[in-house]
Amino acid sequence: MVRITFAALLAFAVSISAIATPNASGARDVGNGQGKQFTTGGCVNNADCQEGCCANNSLDVGICSGIGAEFQNDKQGCGFVDPNAAKTIAAAKAQVAKQGF
């Protein structure tokens, strides 16, 4: 019989919640290549980010990261280039339209 302890379940839940995801409020700066995206905002490559670091997570989603934080919370380092950039940019534009800013 398999027993899952509360501690094991909690550790699993924490590991899932530790995946860094982009902050949707920065959608207008996704894919513009102007280096205006704030840390934790979405990106399709390094050119989007203020600190020049677009890191991907295990879901292949770009997130602008501060230097020194590019490997935290499931991020896999600077230099991410989104293979689905057109789709990501379209989704960001839809988010901007939804937000109204």
Protein backbone atom coordinates (compact mmCIF):
# COMPACT_ATOMS: atom_id res chain seq x y z
CA MET A 1 0.00 0.00 0.00
CA VAL A 2 1.28 3.47 -0.89
CA ARG A 3 1.14 6.09 1.82
CA ILE A 4 1.55 9.74 1.05
CA THR A 5 2.54 11.73 4.07
CA PHE A 6 1.39 15.26 4.60
CA ALA A 7 5.02 16.44 4.40
CA ALA A 8 5.50 14.77 1.00
CA LEU A 9 2.28 16.28 -0.30
CA LEU A 10 3.26 19.71 0.99
CA ALA A 11 6.72 19.44 -0.59
CA PHE A 12 5.11 18.54 -3.94
CA ALA A 13 2.70 21.48 -3.71
CA VAL A 14 5.53 23.89 -2.90
CA SER A 15 7.62 22.62 -5.82
CA ILE A 16 4.73 23.20 -8.24
CA SER A 17 4.03 26.68 -6.90
CA ALA A 18 7.71 27.60 -7.23
CA ILE A 19 7.56 27.80 -11.03
CA ALA A 20 8.17 31.41 -12.04
CA THR A 21 5.49 32.79 -14.35
CA PRO A 22 5.36 36.19 -16.06
CA ASN A 23 3.43 39.05 -14.50
CA ALA A 24 0.58 39.84 -16.93
CA SER A 25 0.64 43.56 -16.15
CA GLY A 26 3.73 43.88 -18.34
CA ALA A 27 2.05 42.44 -21.43
CA ARG A 28 2.54 45.63 -23.47
CA ASP A 29 6.33 45.16 -23.39
CA VAL A 30 6.38 41.53 -24.54
CA GLY A 31 8.15 41.20 -27.87
CA ASN A 32 8.87 44.88 -28.51
CA GLY A 33 12.65 44.47 -28.16
CA GLN A 34 13.04 47.88 -26.49
CA GLY A 35 14.44 46.67 -23.16
CA LYS A 36 11.55 48.16 -21.20
CA GLN A 37 10.14 45.00 -19.61
CA PHE A 38 10.46 44.90 -15.82
CA THR A 39 11.78 41.94 -13.85
CA THR A 40 9.05 39.27 -13.66
CA GLY A 41 7.41 40.48 -16.88
CA GLY A 42 7.08 38.25 -19.93
CA CYS A 43 9.61 38.21 -22.77
CA VAL A 44 10.42 36.48 -26.03
CA ASN A 45 14.18 37.21 -25.87
CA ASN A 46 16.78 39.19 -23.92
CA ALA A 47 16.08 42.39 -25.91
CA ASP A 48 12.71 42.77 -24.16
CA CYS A 49 14.15 42.97 -20.65
CA GLN A 50 15.55 45.94 -18.72
CA GLU A 51 18.35 43.81 -17.32
CA GLY A 52 18.92 41.97 -20.62
CA CYS A 53 17.94 38.58 -19.20
CA CYS A 54 15.02 36.58 -20.58
CA ALA A 55 14.98 33.25 -18.75
CA ASN A 56 12.67 30.37 -19.51
CA ASN A 57 10.95 28.08 -17.08
CA SER A 58 10.19 24.37 -17.51
CA LEU A 59 7.01 25.38 -19.37
CA ASP A 60 9.09 27.20 -22.06
CA VAL A 61 7.74 30.58 -21.05
CA GLY A 62 10.06 33.61 -21.01
CA ILE A 63 10.28 35.77 -17.91
CA CYS A 64 12.56 38.77 -17.44
CA SER A 65 14.93 38.10 -14.59
CA GLY A 66 17.44 40.00 -12.57
CA ILE A 67 21.04 38.93 -12.95
CA GLY A 68 21.68 36.47 -10.15
CA ALA A 69 18.04 35.32 -10.09
CA GLU A 70 17.99 33.69 -13.52
CA PHE A 71 18.11 30.18 -12.03
CA GLN A 72 15.61 30.68 -9.20
CA ASN A 73 12.08 29.24 -9.08
CA ASP A 74 12.52 26.83 -12.00
CA LYS A 75 14.10 29.41 -14.31
CA GLN A 76 16.77 27.99 -16.58
CA GLY A 77 19.05 30.95 -17.23
CA CYS A 78 19.28 33.99 -19.48
CA GLY A 79 19.26 33.79 -23.25
CA PHE A 80 15.83 32.29 -23.84
CA VAL A 81 14.49 32.77 -27.36
CA ASP A 82 10.80 31.89 -27.57
CA PRO A 83 10.24 29.40 -30.41
CA ASN A 84 6.57 30.47 -30.40
CA ALA A 85 7.25 34.22 -30.29
CA ALA A 86 4.44 35.16 -32.70
CA LYS A 87 1.89 33.27 -30.59
CA THR A 88 3.28 34.72 -27.34
CA ILE A 89 3.18 38.28 -28.72
CA ALA A 90 -0.39 37.79 -29.99
CA ALA A 91 -1.45 36.53 -26.55
CA ALA A 92 0.24 39.55 -24.93
CA LYS A 93 -1.58 41.94 -27.26
CA ALA A 94 -4.88 40.26 -26.38
CA GLN A 95 -4.02 40.70 -22.68
CA VAL A 96 -3.31 44.41 -23.22
CA ALA A 97 -6.67 44.82 -24.96
CA LYS A 98 -8.39 43.01 -22.08
CA GLN A 99 -6.61 45.14 -19.46
CA GLY A 100 -7.17 48.38 -21.33
CA PHE A 101 -3.62 49.64 -20.72
